[in-house]
Amino acid sequence: MKCWTEKAPLYGKNTDNEILEFIDQHITCSIPDPYKSPELYDLVMKYQVHTCTASCMRPIFLKNNMIHKCRYGFPREPSNKTTMNTLEETVLSRKKG
């Protein structure tokens, strides 16, 4: 997600801790209540929640059994803290090597 906001700390100018503190103060992640905000709930579930399909499921052979696992690593465990990737991690994660 990209966000533009005034007075935000800048990557490369401010420290990682300053950036993470700003993110924690201004950004949240939760699934809206379907009864209080049905339209927002529908949008989040449609566009921001991964649903595995045949294109992301890959077969993995464990011993004599074949299982299917999402190539994007879903479902993922929720994180208790905000983290940032380095520029190198971001670029390298797009293409192996």
PDB file of N, CA and C in Angstrom:
ATOM      1  N   MET A   1       0.843  -1.165   0.000  1.00  0.00           N
ATOM      2  CA  MET A   1       0.000   0.000   0.000  1.00  0.00           C
ATOM      3  C   MET A   1       0.894   1.235   0.000  1.00  0.00           C
ATOM      4  N   LYS A   2       0.511   2.224  -0.755  1.00  0.00           N
ATOM      5  CA  LYS A   2       1.220   3.491  -0.749  1.00  0.00           C
ATOM      6  C   LYS A   2       0.306   4.550  -0.169  1.00  0.00           C
ATOM      7  N   CYS A   3       0.884   5.383   0.695  1.00  0.00           N
ATOM      8  CA  CYS A   3       0.136   6.486   1.311  1.00  0.00           C
ATOM      9  C   CYS A   3       0.964   7.749   1.197  1.00  0.00           C
ATOM     10  N   TRP A   4       0.329   8.843   0.860  1.00  0.00           N
ATOM     11  CA  TRP A   4       0.980  10.140   0.867  1.00  0.00           C
ATOM     12  C   TRP A   4       0.311  10.972   1.951  1.00  0.00           C
ATOM     13  N   THR A   5       1.105  11.512   2.842  1.00  0.00           N
ATOM     14  CA  THR A   5       0.565  12.318   3.923  1.00  0.00           C
ATOM     15  C   THR A   5       1.560  13.417   4.283  1.00  0.00           C
ATOM     16  N   GLU A   6       1.036  14.493   4.778  1.00  0.00           N
ATOM     17  CA  GLU A   6       1.901  15.592   5.184  1.00  0.00           C
ATOM     18  C   GLU A   6       2.624  15.252   6.485  1.00  0.00           C
ATOM     19  N   LYS A   7       3.825  15.775   6.620  1.00  0.00           N
ATOM     20  CA  LYS A   7       4.620  15.652   7.840  1.00  0.00           C
ATOM     21  C   LYS A   7       5.001  14.215   8.189  1.00  0.00           C
ATOM     22  N   ALA A   8       5.014  13.352   7.202  1.00  0.00           N
ATOM     23  CA  ALA A   8       5.434  11.971   7.451  1.00  0.00           C
ATOM     24  C   ALA A   8       6.949  11.897   7.443  1.00  0.00           C
ATOM     25  N   PRO A   9       7.553  11.027   8.259  1.00  0.00           N
ATOM     26  CA  PRO A   9       9.003  10.855   8.209  1.00  0.00           C
ATOM     27  C   PRO A   9       9.408  10.258   6.862  1.00  0.00           C
ATOM     28  N   LEU A  10      10.609  10.540   6.433  1.00  0.00           N
ATOM     29  CA  LEU A  10      11.087  10.091   5.125  1.00  0.00           C
ATOM     30  C   LEU A  10      12.085   8.954   5.265  1.00  0.00           C
ATOM     31  N   TYR A  11      11.921   7.946   4.432  1.00  0.00           N
ATOM     32  CA  TYR A  11      12.857   6.828   4.393  1.00  0.00           C
ATOM     33  C   TYR A  11      14.206   7.345   3.904  1.00  0.00           C
ATOM     34  N   GLY A  12      15.251   7.036   4.637  1.00  0.00           N
ATOM     35  CA  GLY A  12      16.589   7.500   4.293  1.00  0.00           C
ATOM     36  C   GLY A  12      16.979   8.787   5.001  1.00  0.00           C
ATOM     37  N   LYS A  13      15.982   9.542   5.448  1.00  0.00           N
ATOM     38  CA  LYS A  13      16.262  10.785   6.175  1.00  0.00           C
ATOM     39  C   LYS A  13      15.996  10.581   7.665  1.00  0.00           C
ATOM     40  N   ASN A  14      14.848  10.008   8.015  1.00  0.00           N
ATOM     41  CA  ASN A  14      14.518   9.713   9.406  1.00  0.00           C
ATOM     42  C   ASN A  14      14.952   8.292   9.734  1.00  0.00           C
ATOM     43  N   THR A  15      15.022   8.008  11.030  1.00  0.00           N
ATOM     44  CA  THR A  15      15.411   6.659  11.451  1.00  0.00           C
ATOM     45  C   THR A  15      14.252   5.688  11.224  1.00  0.00           C
ATOM     46  N   ASP A  16      14.587   4.410  11.168  1.00  0.00           N
ATOM     47  CA  ASP A  16      13.559   3.384  11.029  1.00  0.00           C
ATOM     48  C   ASP A  16      12.569   3.453  12.192  1.00  0.00           C
ATOM     49  N   ASN A  17      13.078   3.706  13.404  1.00  0.00           N
ATOM     50  CA  ASN A  17      12.194   3.793  14.573  1.00  0.00           C
ATOM     51  C   ASN A  17      11.203   4.941  14.447  1.00  0.00           C
ATOM     52  N   GLU A  18      11.639   6.086  13.933  1.00  0.00           N
ATOM     53  CA  GLU A  18      10.727   7.222  13.733  1.00  0.00           C
ATOM     54  C   GLU A  18       9.631   6.866  12.727  1.00  0.00           C
ATOM     55  N   ILE A  19      10.021   6.174  11.674  1.00  0.00           N
ATOM     56  CA  ILE A  19       9.053   5.766  10.654  1.00  0.00           C
ATOM     57  C   ILE A  19       8.063   4.764  11.232  1.00  0.00           C
ATOM     58  N   LEU A  20       8.552   3.778  11.969  1.00  0.00           N
ATOM     59  CA  LEU A  20       7.674   2.759  12.560  1.00  0.00           C
ATOM     60  C   LEU A  20       6.723   3.368  13.582  1.00  0.00           C
ATOM     61  N   GLU A  21       7.201   4.316  14.371  1.00  0.00           N
ATOM     62  CA  GLU A  21       6.325   4.996  15.336  1.00  0.00           C
ATOM     63  C   GLU A  21       5.215   5.757  14.620  1.00  0.00           C
ATOM     64  N   PHE A  22       5.555   6.430  13.522  1.00  0.00           N
ATOM     65  CA  PHE A  22       4.560   7.161  12.744  1.00  0.00           C
ATOM     66  C   PHE A  22       3.503   6.203  12.180  1.00  0.00           C
ATOM     67  N   ILE A  23       3.957   5.089  11.635  1.00  0.00           N
ATOM     68  CA  ILE A  23       3.033   4.092  11.087  1.00  0.00           C
ATOM     69  C   ILE A  23       2.098   3.587  12.180  1.00  0.00           C
ATOM     70  N   ASP A  24       2.651   3.241  13.337  1.00  0.00           N
ATOM     71  CA  ASP A  24       1.832   2.730  14.438  1.00  0.00           C
ATOM     72  C   ASP A  24       0.802   3.746  14.929  1.00  0.00           C
ATOM     73  N   GLN A  25       1.130   5.032  14.834  1.00  0.00           N
ATOM     74  CA  GLN A  25       0.209   6.078  15.285  1.00  0.00           C
ATOM     75  C   GLN A  25      -0.921   6.331  14.281  1.00  0.00           C
ATOM     76  N   HIS A  26      -0.675   6.080  12.992  1.00  0.00           N
ATOM     77  CA  HIS A  26      -1.630   6.511  11.978  1.00  0.00           C
ATOM     78  C   HIS A  26      -2.286   5.396  11.163  1.00  0.00           C
ATOM     79  N   ILE A  27      -1.765   4.200  11.210  1.00  0.00           N
ATOM     80  CA  ILE A  27      -2.292   3.120  10.370  1.00  0.00           C
ATOM     81  C   ILE A  27      -2.707   1.950  11.252  1.00  0.00           C
ATOM     82  N   THR A  28      -3.838   1.365  10.916  1.00  0.00           N
ATOM     83  CA  THR A  28      -4.325   0.205  11.645  1.00  0.00           C
ATOM     84  C   THR A  28      -4.713  -0.886  10.660  1.00  0.00           C
ATOM     85  N   CYS A  29      -4.832  -2.081  11.142  1.00  0.00           N
ATOM     86  CA  CYS A  29      -5.200  -3.195  10.290  1.00  0.00           C
ATOM     87  C   CYS A  29      -6.243  -4.029  11.024  1.00  0.00           C
ATOM     88  N   SER A  30      -7.438  -4.054  10.482  1.00  0.00           N
ATOM     89  CA  SER A  30      -8.484  -4.892  11.060  1.00  0.00           C
ATOM     90  C   SER A  30      -9.564  -5.114  10.019  1.00  0.00           C
ATOM     91  N   ILE A  31     -10.316  -6.159  10.192  1.00  0.00           N
ATOM     92  CA  ILE A  31     -11.453  -6.418   9.314  1.00  0.00           C
ATOM     93  C   ILE A  31     -12.659  -5.716   9.922  1.00  0.00           C
ATOM     94  N   PRO A  32     -13.327  -4.863   9.158  1.00  0.00           N
ATOM     95  CA  PRO A  32     -14.464  -4.116   9.692  1.00  0.00           C
ATOM     96  C   PRO A  32     -15.612  -5.034  10.118  1.00  0.00           C
ATOM     97  N   ASP A  33     -16.404  -4.553  11.025  1.00  0.00           N
ATOM     98  CA  ASP A  33     -17.585  -5.288  11.479  1.00  0.00           C
ATOM     99  C   ASP A  33     -18.597  -5.347  10.329  1.00  0.00           C
ATOM    100  N   PRO A  34     -19.015  -6.551   9.915  1.00  0.00           N
ATOM    101  CA  PRO A  34     -19.933  -6.653   8.779  1.00  0.00           C
ATOM    102  C   PRO A  34     -21.323  -6.066   9.056  1.00  0.00           C
ATOM    103  N   TYR A  35     -21.679  -5.910  10.331  1.00  0.00           N
ATOM    104  CA  TYR A  35     -22.993  -5.357  10.662  1.00  0.00           C
ATOM    105  C   TYR A  35     -22.965  -3.837  10.776  1.00  0.00           C
ATOM    106  N   LYS A  36     -21.849  -3.299  11.255  1.00  0.00           N
ATOM    107  CA  LYS A  36     -21.734  -1.842  11.400  1.00  0.00           C
ATOM    108  C   LYS A  36     -21.329  -1.159  10.094  1.00  0.00           C
ATOM    109  N   SER A  37     -20.475  -1.811   9.313  1.00  0.00           N
ATOM    110  CA  SER A  37     -19.973  -1.233   8.055  1.00  0.00           C
ATOM    111  C   SER A  37     -19.988  -2.289   6.955  1.00  0.00           C
ATOM    112  N   PRO A  38     -21.166  -2.692   6.493  1.00  0.00           N
ATOM    113  CA  PRO A  38     -21.234  -3.790   5.520  1.00  0.00           C
ATOM    114  C   PRO A  38     -20.519  -3.491   4.194  1.00  0.00           C
ATOM    115  N   GLU A  39     -20.602  -2.246   3.724  1.00  0.00           N
ATOM    116  CA  GLU A  39     -19.960  -1.912   2.449  1.00  0.00           C
ATOM    117  C   GLU A  39     -18.433  -1.978   2.579  1.00  0.00           C
ATOM    118  N   LEU A  40     -17.885  -1.419   3.655  1.00  0.00           N
ATOM    119  CA  LEU A  40     -16.441  -1.471   3.880  1.00  0.00           C
ATOM    120  C   LEU A  40     -15.979  -2.915   4.093  1.00  0.00           C
ATOM    121  N   TYR A  41     -16.754  -3.680   4.841  1.00  0.00           N
ATOM    122  CA  TYR A  41     -16.430  -5.096   5.068  1.00  0.00           C
ATOM    123  C   TYR A  41     -16.331  -5.832   3.732  1.00  0.00           C
ATOM    124  N   ASP A  42     -17.313  -5.623   2.847  1.00  0.00           N
ATOM    125  CA  ASP A  42     -17.306  -6.286   1.541  1.00  0.00           C
ATOM    126  C   ASP A  42     -16.076  -5.898   0.721  1.00  0.00           C
ATOM    127  N   LEU A  43     -15.710  -4.614   0.740  1.00  0.00           N
ATOM    128  CA  LEU A  43     -14.534  -4.160  -0.008  1.00  0.00           C
ATOM    129  C   LEU A  43     -13.250  -4.781   0.529  1.00  0.00           C
ATOM    130  N   VAL A  44     -13.108  -4.811   1.845  1.00  0.00           N
ATOM    131  CA  VAL A  44     -11.914  -5.400   2.453  1.00  0.00           C
ATOM    132  C   VAL A  44     -11.818  -6.889   2.114  1.00  0.00           C
ATOM    133  N   MET A  45     -12.915  -7.595   2.248  1.00  0.00           N
ATOM    134  CA  MET A  45     -12.900  -9.032   1.984  1.00  0.00           C
ATOM    135  C   MET A  45     -12.658  -9.330   0.498  1.00  0.00           C
ATOM    136  N   LYS A  46     -13.121  -8.453  -0.372  1.00  0.00           N
ATOM    137  CA  LYS A  46     -12.958  -8.670  -1.814  1.00  0.00           C
ATOM    138  C   LYS A  46     -11.558  -8.320  -2.308  1.00  0.00           C
ATOM    139  N   TYR A  47     -10.997  -7.202  -1.806  1.00  0.00           N
ATOM    140  CA  TYR A  47      -9.751  -6.692  -2.374  1.00  0.00           C
ATOM    141  C   TYR A  47      -8.521  -6.797  -1.476  1.00  0.00           C
ATOM    142  N   GLN A  48      -8.689  -7.072  -0.182  1.00  0.00           N
ATOM    143  CA  GLN A  48      -7.528  -7.051   0.707  1.00  0.00           C
ATOM    144  C   GLN A  48      -7.315  -8.338   1.492  1.00  0.00           C
ATOM    145  N   VAL A  49      -8.045  -9.381   1.179  1.00  0.00           N
ATOM    146  CA  VAL A  49      -7.865 -10.668   1.846  1.00  0.00           C
ATOM    147  C   VAL A  49      -7.560 -11.706   0.772  1.00  0.00           C
ATOM    148  N   HIS A  50      -6.454 -12.411   0.926  1.00  0.00           N
ATOM    149  CA  HIS A  50      -6.048 -13.418  -0.053  1.00  0.00           C
ATOM    150  C   HIS A  50      -6.927 -14.658   0.060  1.00  0.00           C
ATOM    151  N   THR A  51      -7.402 -15.109  -1.081  1.00  0.00           N
ATOM    152  CA  THR A  51      -8.129 -16.374  -1.171  1.00  0.00           C
ATOM    153  C   THR A  51      -7.342 -17.263  -2.124  1.00  0.00           C
ATOM    154  N   CYS A  52      -6.948 -18.414  -1.649  1.00  0.00           N
ATOM    155  CA  CYS A  52      -6.143 -19.300  -2.487  1.00  0.00           C
ATOM    156  C   CYS A  52      -6.969 -19.827  -3.659  1.00  0.00           C
ATOM    157  N   THR A  53      -6.297 -19.886  -4.816  1.00  0.00           N
ATOM    158  CA  THR A  53      -6.885 -20.442  -6.029  1.00  0.00           C
ATOM    159  C   THR A  53      -5.898 -21.449  -6.602  1.00  0.00           C
ATOM    160  N   ALA A  54      -6.284 -22.073  -7.712  1.00  0.00           N
ATOM    161  CA  ALA A  54      -5.403 -23.071  -8.326  1.00  0.00           C
ATOM    162  C   ALA A  54      -4.066 -22.466  -8.747  1.00  0.00           C
ATOM    163  N   SER A  55      -4.040 -21.187  -9.090  1.00  0.00           N
ATOM    164  CA  SER A  55      -2.788 -20.574  -9.561  1.00  0.00           C
ATOM    165  C   SER A  55      -1.762 -20.349  -8.449  1.00  0.00           C
ATOM    166  N   CYS A  56      -2.194 -20.264  -7.204  1.00  0.00           N
ATOM    167  CA  CYS A  56      -1.214 -20.037  -6.132  1.00  0.00           C
ATOM    168  C   CYS A  56      -0.918 -21.306  -5.325  1.00  0.00           C
ATOM    169  N   MET A  57      -1.703 -22.340  -5.525  1.00  0.00           N
ATOM    170  CA  MET A  57      -1.466 -23.584  -4.783  1.00  0.00           C
ATOM    171  C   MET A  57      -0.447 -24.426  -5.533  1.00  0.00           C
ATOM    172  N   ARG A  58       0.599 -24.827  -4.844  1.00  0.00           N
ATOM    173  CA  ARG A  58       1.626 -25.657  -5.478  1.00  0.00           C
ATOM    174  C   ARG A  58       1.707 -26.996  -4.751  1.00  0.00           C
ATOM    175  N   PRO A  59       1.933 -28.066  -5.489  1.00  0.00           N
ATOM    176  CA  PRO A  59       2.051 -29.377  -4.842  1.00  0.00           C
ATOM    177  C   PRO A  59       3.416 -29.535  -4.177  1.00  0.00           C
ATOM    178  N   ILE A  60       3.412 -30.077  -2.986  1.00  0.00           N
ATOM    179  CA  ILE A  60       4.637 -30.365  -2.245  1.00  0.00           C
ATOM    180  C   ILE A  60       4.573 -31.823  -1.820  1.00  0.00           C
ATOM    181  N   PHE A  61       5.665 -32.542  -2.028  1.00  0.00           N
ATOM    182  CA  PHE A  61       5.708 -33.948  -1.673  1.00  0.00           C
ATOM    183  C   PHE A  61       6.424 -34.121  -0.340  1.00  0.00           C
ATOM    184  N   LEU A  62       5.718 -34.657   0.645  1.00  0.00           N
ATOM    185  CA  LEU A  62       6.279 -34.962   1.952  1.00  0.00           C
ATOM    186  C   LEU A  62       6.179 -36.464   2.165  1.00  0.00           C
ATOM    187  N   LYS A  63       7.334 -37.088   2.225  1.00  0.00           N
ATOM    188  CA  LYS A  63       7.400 -38.549   2.301  1.00  0.00           C
ATOM    189  C   LYS A  63       6.620 -39.111   1.114  1.00  0.00           C
ATOM    190  N   ASN A  64       5.559 -39.852   1.340  1.00  0.00           N
ATOM    191  CA  ASN A  64       4.781 -40.413   0.240  1.00  0.00           C
ATOM    192  C   ASN A  64       3.474 -39.666   0.016  1.00  0.00           C
ATOM    193  N   ASN A  65       3.319 -38.519   0.666  1.00  0.00           N
ATOM    194  CA  ASN A  65       2.078 -37.757   0.537  1.00  0.00           C
ATOM    195  C   ASN A  65       2.307 -36.469  -0.238  1.00  0.00           C
ATOM    196  N   MET A  66       1.317 -36.116  -1.042  1.00  0.00           N
ATOM    197  CA  MET A  66       1.373 -34.840  -1.745  1.00  0.00           C
ATOM    198  C   MET A  66       0.372 -33.897  -1.077  1.00  0.00           C
ATOM    199  N   ILE A  67       0.862 -32.708  -0.683  1.00  0.00           N
ATOM    200  CA  ILE A  67      -0.027 -31.693  -0.130  1.00  0.00           C
ATOM    201  C   ILE A  67       0.075 -30.448  -1.012  1.00  0.00           C
ATOM    202  N   HIS A  68      -0.891 -29.577  -0.904  1.00  0.00           N
ATOM    203  CA  HIS A  68      -0.854 -28.325  -1.648  1.00  0.00           C
ATOM    204  C   HIS A  68      -0.648 -27.181  -0.668  1.00  0.00           C
ATOM    205  N   LYS A  69       0.269 -26.282  -1.019  1.00  0.00           N
ATOM    206  CA  LYS A  69       0.601 -25.167  -0.151  1.00  0.00           C
ATOM    207  C   LYS A  69       0.609 -23.888  -0.979  1.00  0.00           C
ATOM    208  N   CYS A  70       0.104 -22.812  -0.402  1.00  0.00           N
ATOM    209  CA  CYS A  70       0.060 -21.516  -1.087  1.00  0.00           C
ATOM    210  C   CYS A  70       1.483 -21.015  -1.324  1.00  0.00           C
ATOM    211  N   ARG A  71       1.788 -20.655  -2.560  1.00  0.00           N
ATOM    212  CA  ARG A  71       3.139 -20.183  -2.868  1.00  0.00           C
ATOM    213  C   ARG A  71       3.433 -18.807  -2.287  1.00  0.00           C
ATOM    214  N   TYR A  72       2.404 -18.103  -1.808  1.00  0.00           N
ATOM    215  CA  TYR A  72       2.588 -16.800  -1.177  1.00  0.00           C
ATOM    216  C   TYR A  72       2.656 -16.899   0.346  1.00  0.00           C
ATOM    217  N   GLY A  73       2.539 -18.108   0.869  1.00  0.00           N
ATOM    218  CA  GLY A  73       2.681 -18.312   2.310  1.00  0.00           C
ATOM    219  C   GLY A  73       1.431 -18.050   3.131  1.00  0.00           C
ATOM    220  N   PHE A  74       0.257 -18.053   2.496  1.00  0.00           N
ATOM    221  CA  PHE A  74      -0.988 -17.846   3.241  1.00  0.00           C
ATOM    222  C   PHE A  74      -1.542 -19.174   3.697  1.00  0.00           C
ATOM    223  N   PRO A  75      -2.228 -19.202   4.818  1.00  0.00           N
ATOM    224  CA  PRO A  75      -2.483 -18.084   5.727  1.00  0.00           C
ATOM    225  C   PRO A  75      -1.235 -17.762   6.544  1.00  0.00           C
ATOM    226  N   ARG A  76      -1.076 -16.494   6.849  1.00  0.00           N
ATOM    227  CA  ARG A  76       0.063 -16.033   7.644  1.00  0.00           C
ATOM    228  C   ARG A  76      -0.387 -15.726   9.059  1.00  0.00           C
ATOM    229  N   GLU A  77       0.537 -15.883   9.985  1.00  0.00           N
ATOM    230  CA  GLU A  77       0.255 -15.536  11.376  1.00  0.00           C
ATOM    231  C   GLU A  77       0.253 -14.021  11.530  1.00  0.00           C
ATOM    232  N   PRO A  78      -0.669 -13.478  12.311  1.00  0.00           N
ATOM    233  CA  PRO A  78      -0.634 -12.029  12.541  1.00  0.00           C
ATOM    234  C   PRO A  78       0.612 -11.630  13.321  1.00  0.00           C
ATOM    235  N   SER A  79       1.092 -10.431  13.071  1.00  0.00           N
ATOM    236  CA  SER A  79       2.275  -9.922  13.748  1.00  0.00           C
ATOM    237  C   SER A  79       1.858  -8.974  14.867  1.00  0.00           C
ATOM    238  N   ASN A  80       2.562  -9.032  15.972  1.00  0.00           N
ATOM    239  CA  ASN A  80       2.275  -8.146  17.101  1.00  0.00           C
ATOM    240  C   ASN A  80       2.971  -6.798  16.988  1.00  0.00           C
ATOM    241  N   LYS A  81       3.897  -6.680  16.026  1.00  0.00           N
ATOM    242  CA  LYS A  81       4.605  -5.412  15.894  1.00  0.00           C
ATOM    243  C   LYS A  81       4.818  -5.086  14.425  1.00  0.00           C
ATOM    244  N   THR A  82       4.975  -3.807  14.148  1.00  0.00           N
ATOM    245  CA  THR A  82       5.202  -3.324  12.792  1.00  0.00           C
ATOM    246  C   THR A  82       6.669  -3.528  12.434  1.00  0.00           C
ATOM    247  N   THR A  83       6.917  -3.996  11.227  1.00  0.00           N
ATOM    248  CA  THR A  83       8.292  -4.193  10.759  1.00  0.00           C
ATOM    249  C   THR A  83       8.457  -3.527   9.394  1.00  0.00           C
ATOM    250  N   MET A  84       9.695  -3.271   9.032  1.00  0.00           N
ATOM    251  CA  MET A  84      10.027  -2.700   7.729  1.00  0.00           C
ATOM    252  C   MET A  84      11.080  -3.553   7.055  1.00  0.00           C
ATOM    253  N   ASN A  85      10.887  -3.799   5.776  1.00  0.00           N
ATOM    254  CA  ASN A  85      11.926  -4.451   4.989  1.00  0.00           C
ATOM    255  C   ASN A  85      12.918  -3.404   4.532  1.00  0.00           C
ATOM    256  N   THR A  86      14.155  -3.820   4.324  1.00  0.00           N
ATOM    257  CA  THR A  86      15.133  -2.925   3.714  1.00  0.00           C
ATOM    258  C   THR A  86      14.806  -2.831   2.225  1.00  0.00           C
ATOM    259  N   LEU A  87      15.384  -1.856   1.554  1.00  0.00           N
ATOM    260  CA  LEU A  87      15.193  -1.720   0.119  1.00  0.00           C
ATOM    261  C   LEU A  87      15.662  -2.982  -0.597  1.00  0.00           C
ATOM    262  N   GLU A  88      16.783  -3.544  -0.161  1.00  0.00           N
ATOM    263  CA  GLU A  88      17.320  -4.753  -0.787  1.00  0.00           C
ATOM    264  C   GLU A  88      16.360  -5.927  -0.617  1.00  0.00           C
ATOM    265  N   GLU A  89      15.794  -6.089   0.579  1.00  0.00           N
ATOM    266  CA  GLU A  89      14.842  -7.182   0.815  1.00  0.00           C
ATOM    267  C   GLU A  89      13.604  -7.033  -0.064  1.00  0.00           C
ATOM    268  N   THR A  90      13.155  -5.810  -0.242  1.00  0.00           N
ATOM    269  CA  THR A  90      11.975  -5.558  -1.055  1.00  0.00           C
ATOM    270  C   THR A  90      12.244  -5.903  -2.513  1.00  0.00           C
ATOM    271  N   VAL A  91      13.367  -5.472  -3.042  1.00  0.00           N
ATOM    272  CA  VAL A  91      13.696  -5.734  -4.451  1.00  0.00           C
ATOM    273  C   VAL A  91      13.955  -7.212  -4.651  1.00  0.00           C
ATOM    274  N   LEU A  92      14.747  -7.822  -3.778  1.00  0.00           N
ATOM    275  CA  LEU A  92      15.110  -9.226  -3.950  1.00  0.00           C
ATOM    276  C   LEU A  92      13.924 -10.170  -3.738  1.00  0.00           C
ATOM    277  N   SER A  93      12.943  -9.766  -2.962  1.00  0.00           N
ATOM    278  CA  SER A  93      11.802 -10.652  -2.722  1.00  0.00           C
ATOM    279  C   SER A  93      10.927 -10.767  -3.967  1.00  0.00           C
ATOM    280  N   ARG A  94      11.051  -9.830  -4.892  1.00  0.00           N
ATOM    281  CA  ARG A  94      10.244  -9.859  -6.111  1.00  0.00           C
ATOM    282  C   ARG A  94      10.746 -10.903  -7.093  1.00  0.00           C
ATOM    283  N   LYS A  95      12.045 -11.122  -7.100  1.00  0.00           N
ATOM    284  CA  LYS A  95      12.624 -12.081  -8.019  1.00  0.00           C
ATOM    285  C   LYS A  95      13.779 -12.752  -7.309  1.00  0.00           C
ATOM    286  N   LYS A  96      13.749 -14.056  -7.238  1.00  0.00           N
ATOM    287  CA  LYS A  96      14.808 -14.796  -6.543  1.00  0.00           C
ATOM    288  C   LYS A  96      16.171 -14.469  -7.169  1.00  0.00           C
ATOM    289  N   GLY A  97      17.136 -14.077  -6.298  1.00  0.00           N
ATOM    290  CA  GLY A  97      18.484 -13.818  -6.767  1.00  0.00           C
ATOM    291  C   GLY A  97      18.635 -12.441  -7.323  1.00  0.00           C
TER     292      GLY A  97
END
